[in-house]
Amino acid sequence: MEIRPARFSDAPALARVHVDSWRAAYSGLATDSQLQSFTYARREERFRQSLAAGAEETYLGTVAGEVIGFLTLGAARDPDLAPDRTGEIWGIYISPDNWRTGIGTRLADEAERLLTSQGYGDAVLWVLQDNRRARRFYEAMGFSPDGGSKFIDWGKPLKAVRYRKALQPAPQNDP
Protein backbone atom coordinates (compact mmCIF):
# COMPACT_ATOMS: atom_id res chain seq x y z
CA MET A 1 0.00 0.00 0.00
CA GLU A 2 1.17 3.50 -0.82
CA ILE A 3 0.31 6.41 1.47
CA ARG A 4 0.31 9.91 0.01
CA PRO A 5 -1.21 13.31 0.71
CA ALA A 6 -4.71 13.77 -0.70
CA ARG A 7 -5.20 16.12 -3.65
CA PHE A 8 -8.25 18.13 -4.66
CA SER A 9 -8.91 15.61 -7.46
CA ASP A 10 -9.17 12.81 -4.86
CA ALA A 11 -12.44 14.18 -3.43
CA PRO A 12 -14.70 11.63 -5.23
CA ALA A 13 -12.62 8.67 -4.06
CA LEU A 14 -12.45 10.03 -0.52
CA ALA A 15 -16.24 10.45 -0.51
CA ARG A 16 -16.77 6.88 -1.71
CA VAL A 17 -14.55 5.38 0.99
CA HIS A 18 -15.95 7.67 3.69
CA VAL A 19 -19.63 7.01 2.93
CA ASP A 20 -19.20 3.25 2.45
CA SER A 21 -17.16 2.79 5.63
CA TRP A 22 -19.32 5.19 7.66
CA ARG A 23 -22.54 3.40 6.70
CA ALA A 24 -21.04 -0.02 7.46
CA ALA A 25 -19.38 1.00 10.73
CA TYR A 26 -22.32 2.95 12.14
CA SER A 27 -25.19 0.73 11.00
CA GLY A 28 -27.16 -0.03 14.14
CA LEU A 29 -25.58 2.90 15.99
CA ALA A 30 -26.79 5.93 14.03
CA THR A 31 -30.39 6.22 12.84
CA ASP A 32 -31.30 5.00 9.35
CA SER A 33 -32.18 8.57 8.33
CA GLN A 34 -28.76 9.77 9.47
CA LEU A 35 -27.03 6.99 7.52
CA GLN A 36 -29.07 7.81 4.40
CA SER A 37 -28.30 11.53 4.66
CA PHE A 38 -24.57 10.78 4.54
CA THR A 39 -24.26 10.91 0.73
CA TYR A 40 -21.45 10.74 -1.80
CA ALA A 41 -22.33 14.17 -3.21
CA ARG A 42 -22.31 15.89 0.19
CA ARG A 43 -19.08 14.25 1.28
CA GLU A 44 -17.38 15.00 -2.03
CA GLU A 45 -18.26 18.68 -1.69
CA ARG A 46 -17.04 18.70 1.92
CA PHE A 47 -13.73 17.10 0.89
CA ARG A 48 -13.31 19.61 -1.95
CA GLN A 49 -13.84 22.49 0.48
CA SER A 50 -11.51 21.02 3.09
CA LEU A 51 -8.73 20.20 0.63
CA ALA A 52 -8.97 23.61 -1.02
CA ALA A 53 -8.79 25.37 2.35
CA GLY A 54 -5.92 23.24 3.65
CA ALA A 55 -7.70 23.15 7.00
CA GLU A 56 -6.71 19.57 7.78
CA GLU A 57 -4.21 17.00 6.65
CA THR A 58 -5.65 14.08 4.72
CA TYR A 59 -3.60 11.11 3.51
CA LEU A 60 -4.73 8.34 1.20
CA GLY A 61 -3.96 4.67 1.33
CA THR A 62 -3.87 3.28 -2.22
CA VAL A 63 -3.32 -0.11 -3.76
CA ALA A 64 -2.65 -0.23 -7.50
CA GLY A 65 -3.82 3.38 -7.68
CA GLU A 66 -7.20 2.67 -6.03
CA VAL A 67 -8.06 4.60 -2.86
CA ILE A 68 -8.94 2.03 -0.20
CA GLY A 69 -8.59 4.14 2.93
CA PHE A 70 -7.60 7.48 4.34
CA LEU A 71 -6.66 9.27 7.51
CA THR A 72 -7.21 12.85 8.57
CA LEU A 73 -5.26 14.55 11.35
CA GLY A 74 -4.26 17.85 12.84
CA ALA A 75 -3.89 19.67 16.13
CA ALA A 76 -6.18 18.58 18.95
CA ARG A 77 -9.44 20.50 18.82
CA ASP A 78 -10.61 20.02 22.42
CA PRO A 79 -10.38 23.10 24.65
CA ASP A 80 -8.90 21.10 27.55
CA LEU A 81 -5.89 20.00 25.46
CA ALA A 82 -2.81 21.99 24.47
CA PRO A 83 -2.92 22.07 20.64
CA ASP A 84 0.85 22.58 20.47
CA ARG A 85 1.47 19.39 22.47
CA THR A 86 -1.40 17.12 21.44
CA GLY A 87 -2.24 16.03 17.91
CA GLU A 88 -5.52 14.46 16.93
CA ILE A 89 -6.38 11.66 14.56
CA TRP A 90 -9.61 13.11 13.24
CA GLY A 91 -10.51 9.96 11.35
CA ILE A 92 -9.33 6.72 9.82
CA TYR A 93 -11.67 5.18 7.29
CA ILE A 94 -11.15 2.01 5.27
CA SER A 95 -13.31 0.64 2.47
CA PRO A 96 -15.32 -2.17 4.13
CA ASP A 97 -14.01 -4.70 1.58
CA ASN A 98 -10.54 -4.02 3.01
CA TRP A 99 -11.32 -4.24 6.73
CA ARG A 100 -9.07 -6.57 8.73
CA THR A 101 -6.31 -6.59 6.12
CA GLY A 102 -3.76 -4.48 8.03
CA ILE A 103 -4.55 -1.24 6.19
CA GLY A 104 -6.00 0.41 9.29
CA THR A 105 -2.88 -0.45 11.24
CA ARG A 106 -0.65 0.99 8.50
CA LEU A 107 -2.69 4.21 8.43
CA ALA A 108 -2.68 4.51 12.23
CA ASP A 109 1.08 3.97 12.29
CA GLU A 110 1.48 6.65 9.62
CA ALA A 111 -0.72 9.05 11.63
CA GLU A 112 1.48 8.54 14.68
CA ARG A 113 4.64 9.03 12.60
CA LEU A 114 3.28 12.25 11.09
CA LEU A 115 2.12 13.64 14.43
CA THR A 116 5.46 12.80 16.03
CA SER A 117 7.35 14.47 13.17
CA GLN A 118 5.27 17.60 13.79
CA GLY A 119 6.40 17.73 17.40
CA TYR A 120 3.33 16.35 19.15
CA GLY A 121 3.94 14.31 22.29
CA ASP A 122 0.45 12.82 22.53
CA ALA A 123 -2.25 11.75 20.12
CA VAL A 124 -5.97 11.68 20.81
CA LEU A 125 -8.98 10.48 18.88
CA TRP A 126 -12.70 10.13 19.44
CA VAL A 127 -14.70 6.92 19.05
CA LEU A 128 -18.34 6.10 19.73
CA GLN A 129 -18.68 4.27 23.03
CA ASP A 130 -20.77 1.54 21.40
CA ASN A 131 -18.43 1.05 18.42
CA ARG A 132 -16.74 -1.99 19.90
CA ARG A 133 -14.84 -2.89 16.71
CA ALA A 134 -13.15 0.52 16.56
CA ARG A 135 -12.46 0.55 20.28
CA ARG A 136 -10.74 -2.86 20.10
CA PHE A 137 -8.68 -1.64 17.13
CA TYR A 138 -7.48 1.52 18.88
CA GLU A 139 -6.78 -0.34 22.11
CA ALA A 140 -4.68 -2.84 20.15
CA MET A 141 -2.78 0.18 18.76
CA GLY A 142 -1.94 1.30 22.31
CA PHE A 143 -4.64 3.94 22.80
CA SER A 144 -6.71 4.00 25.98
CA PRO A 145 -9.67 6.08 27.21
CA ASP A 146 -8.53 9.24 28.97
CA GLY A 147 -11.82 10.14 30.65
CA GLY A 148 -12.99 12.63 28.04
CA SER A 149 -16.50 12.11 26.68
CA LYS A 150 -19.17 13.99 24.76
CA PHE A 151 -22.48 13.37 23.09
CA ILE A 152 -22.97 13.54 19.34
CA ASP A 153 -26.42 13.91 17.83
CA TRP A 154 -26.76 11.57 14.85
CA GLY A 155 -30.53 11.46 14.90
CA LYS A 156 -30.22 10.31 18.50
CA PRO A 157 -27.62 11.16 21.15
CA LEU A 158 -24.57 8.92 20.99
CA LYS A 159 -21.77 8.99 23.53
CA ALA A 160 -18.23 9.34 22.23
CA VAL A 161 -15.16 8.66 24.35
CA ARG A 162 -11.72 10.16 23.87
CA TYR A 163 -8.69 7.92 23.56
CA ARG A 164 -5.10 9.02 24.10
CA LYS A 165 -1.63 7.66 23.46
CA ALA A 166 1.81 9.02 24.27
CA LEU A 167 3.82 9.24 21.08
CA GLN A 168 7.36 7.93 20.95
CA PRO A 169 9.86 10.12 19.10
CA ALA A 170 11.68 8.39 16.27
CA PRO A 171 15.13 7.16 17.28
CA GLN A 172 17.92 9.52 16.28
CA ASN A 173 20.76 8.12 14.23
CA ASP A 174 24.14 9.07 15.63
CA PRO A 175 26.51 10.53 13.00
C-alpha atoms as a PDB file:
ATOM      1  CA  MET A   1       0.000   0.000   0.000  1.00  0.00           C
ATOM      2  CA  GLU A   2       1.173   3.499  -0.820  1.00  0.00           C
ATOM      3  CA  ILE A   3       0.310   6.410   1.470  1.00  0.00           C
ATOM      4  CA  ARG A   4       0.311   9.906   0.015  1.00  0.00           C
ATOM      5  CA  PRO A   5      -1.214  13.315   0.713  1.00  0.00           C
ATOM      6  CA  ALA A   6      -4.707  13.766  -0.701  1.00  0.00           C
ATOM      7  CA  ARG A   7      -5.196  16.120  -3.645  1.00  0.00           C
ATOM      8  CA  PHE A   8      -8.248  18.132  -4.664  1.00  0.00           C
ATOM      9  CA  SER A   9      -8.911  15.614  -7.463  1.00  0.00           C
ATOM     10  CA  ASP A  10      -9.168  12.809  -4.864  1.00  0.00           C
ATOM     11  CA  ALA A  11     -12.444  14.177  -3.434  1.00  0.00           C
ATOM     12  CA  PRO A  12     -14.704  11.631  -5.233  1.00  0.00           C
ATOM     13  CA  ALA A  13     -12.621   8.666  -4.061  1.00  0.00           C
ATOM     14  CA  LEU A  14     -12.447  10.033  -0.516  1.00  0.00           C
ATOM     15  CA  ALA A  15     -16.236  10.454  -0.513  1.00  0.00           C
ATOM     16  CA  ARG A  16     -16.769   6.880  -1.713  1.00  0.00           C
ATOM     17  CA  VAL A  17     -14.552   5.377   0.992  1.00  0.00           C
ATOM     18  CA  HIS A  18     -15.950   7.665   3.687  1.00  0.00           C
ATOM     19  CA  VAL A  19     -19.627   7.008   2.932  1.00  0.00           C
ATOM     20  CA  ASP A  20     -19.201   3.248   2.446  1.00  0.00           C
ATOM     21  CA  SER A  21     -17.162   2.792   5.627  1.00  0.00           C
ATOM     22  CA  TRP A  22     -19.319   5.185   7.658  1.00  0.00           C
ATOM     23  CA  ARG A  23     -22.540   3.397   6.697  1.00  0.00           C
ATOM     24  CA  ALA A  24     -21.040  -0.020   7.457  1.00  0.00           C
ATOM     25  CA  ALA A  25     -19.384   0.996  10.734  1.00  0.00           C
ATOM     26  CA  TYR A  26     -22.317   2.951  12.141  1.00  0.00           C
ATOM     27  CA  SER A  27     -25.188   0.731  11.002  1.00  0.00           C
ATOM     28  CA  GLY A  28     -27.157  -0.033  14.141  1.00  0.00           C
ATOM     29  CA  LEU A  29     -25.579   2.897  15.988  1.00  0.00           C
ATOM     30  CA  ALA A  30     -26.795   5.930  14.035  1.00  0.00           C
ATOM     31  CA  THR A  31     -30.390   6.222  12.844  1.00  0.00           C
ATOM     32  CA  ASP A  32     -31.305   5.000   9.348  1.00  0.00           C
ATOM     33  CA  SER A  33     -32.185   8.566   8.330  1.00  0.00           C
ATOM     34  CA  GLN A  34     -28.756   9.767   9.472  1.00  0.00           C
ATOM     35  CA  LEU A  35     -27.026   6.992   7.519  1.00  0.00           C
ATOM     36  CA  GLN A  36     -29.066   7.809   4.401  1.00  0.00           C
ATOM     37  CA  SER A  37     -28.301  11.527   4.663  1.00  0.00           C
ATOM     38  CA  PHE A  38     -24.573  10.783   4.536  1.00  0.00           C
ATOM     39  CA  THR A  39     -24.259  10.914   0.731  1.00  0.00           C
ATOM     40  CA  TYR A  40     -21.450  10.745  -1.801  1.00  0.00           C
ATOM     41  CA  ALA A  41     -22.325  14.173  -3.214  1.00  0.00           C
ATOM     42  CA  ARG A  42     -22.312  15.888   0.189  1.00  0.00           C
ATOM     43  CA  ARG A  43     -19.083  14.246   1.283  1.00  0.00           C
ATOM     44  CA  GLU A  44     -17.377  15.000  -2.025  1.00  0.00           C
ATOM     45  CA  GLU A  45     -18.264  18.676  -1.688  1.00  0.00           C
ATOM     46  CA  ARG A  46     -17.039  18.698   1.924  1.00  0.00           C
ATOM     47  CA  PHE A  47     -13.728  17.096   0.889  1.00  0.00           C
ATOM     48  CA  ARG A  48     -13.314  19.609  -1.948  1.00  0.00           C
ATOM     49  CA  GLN A  49     -13.838  22.493   0.485  1.00  0.00           C
ATOM     50  CA  SER A  50     -11.510  21.015   3.088  1.00  0.00           C
ATOM     51  CA  LEU A  51      -8.733  20.195   0.633  1.00  0.00           C
ATOM     52  CA  ALA A  52      -8.973  23.607  -1.021  1.00  0.00           C
ATOM     53  CA  ALA A  53      -8.791  25.374   2.354  1.00  0.00           C
ATOM     54  CA  GLY A  54      -5.924  23.244   3.647  1.00  0.00           C
ATOM     55  CA  ALA A  55      -7.698  23.152   6.996  1.00  0.00           C
ATOM     56  CA  GLU A  56      -6.708  19.573   7.777  1.00  0.00           C
ATOM     57  CA  GLU A  57      -4.211  17.001   6.655  1.00  0.00           C
ATOM     58  CA  THR A  58      -5.648  14.077   4.722  1.00  0.00           C
ATOM     59  CA  TYR A  59      -3.597  11.112   3.507  1.00  0.00           C
ATOM     60  CA  LEU A  60      -4.727   8.343   1.196  1.00  0.00           C
ATOM     61  CA  GLY A  61      -3.959   4.667   1.326  1.00  0.00           C
ATOM     62  CA  THR A  62      -3.875   3.281  -2.217  1.00  0.00           C
ATOM     63  CA  VAL A  63      -3.319  -0.115  -3.760  1.00  0.00           C
ATOM     64  CA  ALA A  64      -2.650  -0.233  -7.502  1.00  0.00           C
ATOM     65  CA  GLY A  65      -3.822   3.379  -7.678  1.00  0.00           C
ATOM     66  CA  GLU A  66      -7.201   2.667  -6.026  1.00  0.00           C
ATOM     67  CA  VAL A  67      -8.062   4.603  -2.865  1.00  0.00           C
ATOM     68  CA  ILE A  68      -8.939   2.034  -0.201  1.00  0.00           C
ATOM     69  CA  GLY A  69      -8.594   4.137   2.933  1.00  0.00           C
ATOM     70  CA  PHE A  70      -7.604   7.482   4.338  1.00  0.00           C
ATOM     71  CA  LEU A  71      -6.664   9.274   7.505  1.00  0.00           C
ATOM     72  CA  THR A  72      -7.205  12.847   8.571  1.00  0.00           C
ATOM     73  CA  LEU A  73      -5.262  14.547  11.347  1.00  0.00           C
ATOM     74  CA  GLY A  74      -4.261  17.853  12.838  1.00  0.00           C
ATOM     75  CA  ALA A  75      -3.889  19.672  16.126  1.00  0.00           C
ATOM     76  CA  ALA A  76      -6.178  18.580  18.947  1.00  0.00           C
ATOM     77  CA  ARG A  77      -9.444  20.500  18.823  1.00  0.00           C
ATOM     78  CA  ASP A  78     -10.610  20.023  22.421  1.00  0.00           C
ATOM     79  CA  PRO A  79     -10.378  23.104  24.651  1.00  0.00           C
ATOM     80  CA  ASP A  80      -8.902  21.100  27.552  1.00  0.00           C
ATOM     81  CA  LEU A  81      -5.892  20.003  25.464  1.00  0.00           C
ATOM     82  CA  ALA A  82      -2.814  21.986  24.472  1.00  0.00           C
ATOM     83  CA  PRO A  83      -2.917  22.070  20.637  1.00  0.00           C
ATOM     84  CA  ASP A  84       0.848  22.582  20.468  1.00  0.00           C
ATOM     85  CA  ARG A  85       1.466  19.392  22.472  1.00  0.00           C
ATOM     86  CA  THR A  86      -1.403  17.121  21.441  1.00  0.00           C
ATOM     87  CA  GLY A  87      -2.241  16.028  17.909  1.00  0.00           C
ATOM     88  CA  GLU A  88      -5.523  14.458  16.933  1.00  0.00           C
ATOM     89  CA  ILE A  89      -6.379  11.660  14.557  1.00  0.00           C
ATOM     90  CA  TRP A  90      -9.609  13.109  13.244  1.00  0.00           C
ATOM     91  CA  GLY A  91     -10.508   9.956  11.355  1.00  0.00           C
ATOM     92  CA  ILE A  92      -9.328   6.716   9.824  1.00  0.00           C
ATOM     93  CA  TYR A  93     -11.675   5.175   7.295  1.00  0.00           C
ATOM     94  CA  ILE A  94     -11.149   2.015   5.269  1.00  0.00           C
ATOM     95  CA  SER A  95     -13.308   0.638   2.466  1.00  0.00           C
ATOM     96  CA  PRO A  96     -15.321  -2.168   4.130  1.00  0.00           C
ATOM     97  CA  ASP A  97     -14.012  -4.696   1.581  1.00  0.00           C
ATOM     98  CA  ASN A  98     -10.542  -4.024   3.010  1.00  0.00           C
ATOM     99  CA  TRP A  99     -11.323  -4.244   6.734  1.00  0.00           C
ATOM    100  CA  ARG A 100      -9.074  -6.574   8.733  1.00  0.00           C
ATOM    101  CA  THR A 101      -6.311  -6.590   6.120  1.00  0.00           C
ATOM    102  CA  GLY A 102      -3.761  -4.479   8.028  1.00  0.00           C
ATOM    103  CA  ILE A 103      -4.552  -1.243   6.186  1.00  0.00           C
ATOM    104  CA  GLY A 104      -6.000   0.415   9.290  1.00  0.00           C
ATOM    105  CA  THR A 105      -2.877  -0.454  11.237  1.00  0.00           C
ATOM    106  CA  ARG A 106      -0.653   0.993   8.505  1.00  0.00           C
ATOM    107  CA  LEU A 107      -2.690   4.214   8.426  1.00  0.00           C
ATOM    108  CA  ALA A 108      -2.685   4.510  12.234  1.00  0.00           C
ATOM    109  CA  ASP A 109       1.084   3.969  12.292  1.00  0.00           C
ATOM    110  CA  GLU A 110       1.482   6.654   9.625  1.00  0.00           C
ATOM    111  CA  ALA A 111      -0.723   9.045  11.627  1.00  0.00           C
ATOM    112  CA  GLU A 112       1.478   8.537  14.681  1.00  0.00           C
ATOM    113  CA  ARG A 113       4.639   9.033  12.601  1.00  0.00           C
ATOM    114  CA  LEU A 114       3.276  12.248  11.086  1.00  0.00           C
ATOM    115  CA  LEU A 115       2.119  13.644  14.427  1.00  0.00           C
ATOM    116  CA  THR A 116       5.464  12.798  16.031  1.00  0.00           C
ATOM    117  CA  SER A 117       7.348  14.466  13.166  1.00  0.00           C
ATOM    118  CA  GLN A 118       5.267  17.601  13.785  1.00  0.00           C
ATOM    119  CA  GLY A 119       6.395  17.725  17.403  1.00  0.00           C
ATOM    120  CA  TYR A 120       3.332  16.354  19.151  1.00  0.00           C
ATOM    121  CA  GLY A 121       3.936  14.309  22.295  1.00  0.00           C
ATOM    122  CA  ASP A 122       0.446  12.821  22.530  1.00  0.00           C
ATOM    123  CA  ALA A 123      -2.251  11.754  20.118  1.00  0.00           C
ATOM    124  CA  VAL A 124      -5.970  11.676  20.812  1.00  0.00           C
ATOM    125  CA  LEU A 125      -8.980  10.477  18.878  1.00  0.00           C
ATOM    126  CA  TRP A 126     -12.705  10.128  19.435  1.00  0.00           C
ATOM    127  CA  VAL A 127     -14.704   6.916  19.052  1.00  0.00           C
ATOM    128  CA  LEU A 128     -18.337   6.096  19.731  1.00  0.00           C
ATOM    129  CA  GLN A 129     -18.679   4.274  23.028  1.00  0.00           C
ATOM    130  CA  ASP A 130     -20.774   1.539  21.397  1.00  0.00           C
ATOM    131  CA  ASN A 131     -18.433   1.050  18.419  1.00  0.00           C
ATOM    132  CA  ARG A 132     -16.739  -1.990  19.898  1.00  0.00           C
ATOM    133  CA  ARG A 133     -14.840  -2.888  16.712  1.00  0.00           C
ATOM    134  CA  ALA A 134     -13.154   0.522  16.557  1.00  0.00           C
ATOM    135  CA  ARG A 135     -12.461   0.548  20.281  1.00  0.00           C
ATOM    136  CA  ARG A 136     -10.736  -2.857  20.098  1.00  0.00           C
ATOM    137  CA  PHE A 137      -8.680  -1.639  17.135  1.00  0.00           C
ATOM    138  CA  TYR A 138      -7.476   1.524  18.875  1.00  0.00           C
ATOM    139  CA  GLU A 139      -6.781  -0.343  22.113  1.00  0.00           C
ATOM    140  CA  ALA A 140      -4.677  -2.845  20.149  1.00  0.00           C
ATOM    141  CA  MET A 141      -2.778   0.184  18.759  1.00  0.00           C
ATOM    142  CA  GLY A 142      -1.943   1.297  22.315  1.00  0.00           C
ATOM    143  CA  PHE A 143      -4.638   3.943  22.805  1.00  0.00           C
ATOM    144  CA  SER A 144      -6.712   4.004  25.979  1.00  0.00           C
ATOM    145  CA  PRO A 145      -9.670   6.076  27.208  1.00  0.00           C
ATOM    146  CA  ASP A 146      -8.526   9.243  28.969  1.00  0.00           C
ATOM    147  CA  GLY A 147     -11.822  10.142  30.655  1.00  0.00           C
ATOM    148  CA  GLY A 148     -12.992  12.629  28.041  1.00  0.00           C
ATOM    149  CA  SER A 149     -16.498  12.113  26.676  1.00  0.00           C
ATOM    150  CA  LYS A 150     -19.166  13.990  24.764  1.00  0.00           C
ATOM    151  CA  PHE A 151     -22.485  13.374  23.094  1.00  0.00           C
ATOM    152  CA  ILE A 152     -22.969  13.540  19.340  1.00  0.00           C
ATOM    153  CA  ASP A 153     -26.422  13.907  17.828  1.00  0.00           C
ATOM    154  CA  TRP A 154     -26.758  11.567  14.847  1.00  0.00           C
ATOM    155  CA  GLY A 155     -30.531  11.456  14.900  1.00  0.00           C
ATOM    156  CA  LYS A 156     -30.217  10.311  18.497  1.00  0.00           C
ATOM    157  CA  PRO A 157     -27.625  11.161  21.150  1.00  0.00           C
ATOM    158  CA  LEU A 158     -24.567   8.916  20.985  1.00  0.00           C
ATOM    159  CA  LYS A 159     -21.774   8.989  23.528  1.00  0.00           C
ATOM    160  CA  ALA A 160     -18.227   9.336  22.226  1.00  0.00           C
ATOM    161  CA  VAL A 161     -15.158   8.657  24.345  1.00  0.00           C
ATOM    162  CA  ARG A 162     -11.724  10.162  23.866  1.00  0.00           C
ATOM    163  CA  TYR A 163      -8.690   7.923  23.561  1.00  0.00           C
ATOM    164  CA  ARG A 164      -5.097   9.021  24.097  1.00  0.00           C
ATOM    165  CA  LYS A 165      -1.632   7.657  23.457  1.00  0.00           C
ATOM    166  CA  ALA A 166       1.805   9.023  24.269  1.00  0.00           C
ATOM    167  CA  LEU A 167       3.823   9.243  21.082  1.00  0.00           C
ATOM    168  CA  GLN A 168       7.356   7.932  20.951  1.00  0.00           C
ATOM    169  CA  PRO A 169       9.859  10.123  19.099  1.00  0.00           C
ATOM    170  CA  ALA A 170      11.677   8.390  16.268  1.00  0.00           C
ATOM    171  CA  PRO A 171      15.129   7.162  17.282  1.00  0.00           C
ATOM    172  CA  GLN A 172      17.919   9.520  16.281  1.00  0.00           C
ATOM    173  CA  ASN A 173      20.763   8.121  14.229  1.00  0.00           C
ATOM    174  CA  ASP A 174      24.143   9.065  15.626  1.00  0.00           C
ATOM    175  CA  PRO A 175      26.514  10.533  13.004  1.00  0.00           C
END
